[in-house]
Amino acid sequence: MGWEILKYQNETLCERKLKIGDPKLLFTIDHFPQIILIFVLMDYPSKVLAKAVDEISGLPGIGRKTALRLALHLLKQPNSRAVSLGNSLINLVSEIKYCKECHNFSDFDICEICSNEKEAKS
């Protein structure tokens, strides 16, 4: 499954090799007794599902349980729904631009707001 590393203010406090199927692993740190870290490893029936959960849980505010719920929800939807979501995410990262004037998100080099302001000044 890999290594889990607990860091506090860029200092490694502990690290441990984790295995699939391990029960809850509880770490307490002698130097920092107030810090407790719990890992719950789930044994997924598919590596593809595990990878999807890992990727989704990397989004801000989404933990592993929510990521699993979202992945399972997508599996219950028609394939076209998941493909549409995937294409939207690909388009988001490949086609979004930043306005050269105000640095806001835009579909063009200069956003509609800034281009309208330039036309109004003319």
Protein backbone atom coordinates (compact mmCIF):
# COMPACT_ATOMS: atom_id res chain seq x y z
CA MET A 1 0.00 0.00 0.00
CA GLY A 2 2.95 2.30 0.57
CA TRP A 3 4.35 4.48 3.30
CA GLU A 4 2.34 6.86 5.45
CA ILE A 5 4.36 9.69 6.92
CA LEU A 6 3.22 12.03 9.67
CA LYS A 7 4.78 15.46 9.41
CA TYR A 8 4.39 18.46 11.68
CA GLN A 9 5.81 21.80 10.56
CA ASN A 10 7.89 20.05 7.86
CA GLU A 11 9.51 17.73 10.42
CA THR A 12 8.93 14.00 9.98
CA LEU A 13 7.51 12.67 13.22
CA CYS A 14 7.02 9.05 12.22
CA GLU A 15 6.68 6.82 9.22
CA ARG A 16 5.45 3.30 8.84
CA LYS A 17 4.93 0.81 6.03
CA LEU A 18 1.24 0.09 5.63
CA LYS A 19 -0.28 -3.06 4.20
CA ILE A 20 -3.69 -3.66 2.67
CA GLY A 21 -6.03 -5.20 5.20
CA ASP A 22 -4.30 -3.73 8.25
CA PRO A 23 -6.69 -2.80 11.03
CA LYS A 24 -6.78 0.76 12.31
CA LEU A 25 -3.24 1.88 12.92
CA LEU A 26 -2.84 4.30 15.80
CA PHE A 27 0.33 6.34 16.13
CA THR A 28 1.17 8.54 19.08
CA ILE A 29 4.34 10.57 19.12
CA ASP A 30 6.39 10.75 22.31
CA HIS A 31 7.48 14.33 21.62
CA PHE A 32 3.96 15.37 20.63
CA PRO A 33 1.52 13.33 22.76
CA GLN A 34 -1.39 15.54 21.68
CA ILE A 35 -0.99 14.34 18.08
CA ILE A 36 -2.76 11.10 17.28
CA LEU A 37 -2.97 9.77 13.77
CA ILE A 38 -5.37 7.03 12.74
CA PHE A 39 -5.15 5.26 9.40
CA VAL A 40 -7.91 3.05 8.16
CA LEU A 41 -6.96 1.00 5.14
CA MET A 42 -9.74 -0.42 3.05
CA ASP A 43 -9.22 -3.48 0.95
CA TYR A 44 -10.88 -2.51 -2.33
CA PRO A 45 -12.00 -5.26 -4.69
CA SER A 46 -10.37 -3.47 -7.64
CA LYS A 47 -7.11 -1.59 -8.15
CA VAL A 48 -8.95 0.71 -10.55
CA LEU A 49 -11.46 1.60 -7.82
CA ALA A 50 -8.64 2.11 -5.30
CA LYS A 51 -6.86 4.46 -7.73
CA ALA A 52 -10.08 6.43 -8.33
CA VAL A 53 -10.64 6.77 -4.57
CA ASP A 54 -7.04 7.94 -4.12
CA GLU A 55 -7.41 10.58 -6.84
CA ILE A 56 -10.81 11.83 -5.66
CA SER A 57 -9.68 11.98 -2.02
CA GLY A 58 -6.83 14.26 -3.14
CA LEU A 59 -9.37 17.03 -3.73
CA PRO A 60 -9.75 19.57 -0.91
CA GLY A 61 -12.37 18.68 1.67
CA ILE A 62 -12.92 15.14 0.40
CA GLY A 63 -11.80 12.24 2.55
CA ARG A 64 -11.50 8.60 1.61
CA LYS A 65 -15.05 7.68 2.66
CA THR A 66 -16.60 10.47 0.60
CA ALA A 67 -14.28 9.63 -2.30
CA LEU A 68 -15.47 6.02 -2.16
CA ARG A 69 -19.12 7.16 -2.11
CA LEU A 70 -18.52 9.38 -5.14
CA ALA A 71 -16.70 6.63 -7.04
CA LEU A 72 -19.47 4.12 -6.31
CA HIS A 73 -22.09 6.69 -7.34
CA LEU A 74 -20.30 7.16 -10.67
CA LEU A 75 -20.25 3.40 -11.20
CA LYS A 76 -24.05 3.30 -10.81
CA GLN A 77 -24.53 6.04 -13.41
CA PRO A 78 -24.63 5.50 -17.17
CA ASN A 79 -21.12 5.42 -18.68
CA SER A 80 -21.89 8.62 -20.55
CA ARG A 81 -22.18 10.50 -17.23
CA ALA A 82 -18.68 9.49 -16.09
CA VAL A 83 -17.24 10.17 -19.54
CA SER A 84 -18.87 13.61 -19.57
CA LEU A 85 -17.41 14.41 -16.13
CA GLY A 86 -13.98 13.21 -17.21
CA ASN A 87 -14.08 15.28 -20.40
CA SER A 88 -15.18 18.36 -18.43
CA LEU A 89 -12.21 17.97 -16.08
CA ILE A 90 -9.80 17.49 -18.99
CA ASN A 91 -11.20 20.59 -20.71
CA LEU A 92 -10.96 22.54 -17.46
CA VAL A 93 -7.25 21.97 -17.05
CA SER A 94 -6.33 22.16 -20.73
CA GLU A 95 -8.47 25.03 -22.00
CA ILE A 96 -8.83 27.47 -19.10
CA LYS A 97 -6.77 30.65 -19.42
CA TYR A 98 -5.97 33.54 -17.18
CA CYS A 99 -6.87 37.02 -18.30
CA LYS A 100 -3.74 39.03 -19.10
CA GLU A 101 -5.31 42.12 -17.51
CA CYS A 102 -7.02 40.98 -14.30
CA HIS A 103 -5.69 37.38 -14.00
CA ASN A 104 -9.21 35.99 -13.57
CA PHE A 105 -10.23 32.69 -15.16
CA SER A 106 -11.29 33.09 -18.76
CA ASP A 107 -11.89 31.29 -22.03
CA PHE A 108 -9.84 33.94 -23.85
CA ASP A 109 -6.53 35.76 -23.34
CA ILE A 110 -8.47 38.84 -22.20
CA CYS A 111 -11.70 38.15 -20.33
CA GLU A 112 -15.04 39.59 -21.42
CA ILE A 113 -15.09 42.09 -18.55
CA CYS A 114 -11.69 43.57 -19.40
CA SER A 115 -12.43 43.58 -23.15
CA ASN A 116 -15.72 45.43 -22.49
CA GLU A 117 -13.92 47.99 -20.33
CA LYS A 118 -11.40 48.60 -23.13
CA GLU A 119 -14.24 49.11 -25.64
CA ALA A 120 -16.02 51.49 -23.24
CA LYS A 121 -12.87 53.61 -22.85
CA SER A 122 -12.49 53.96 -26.62
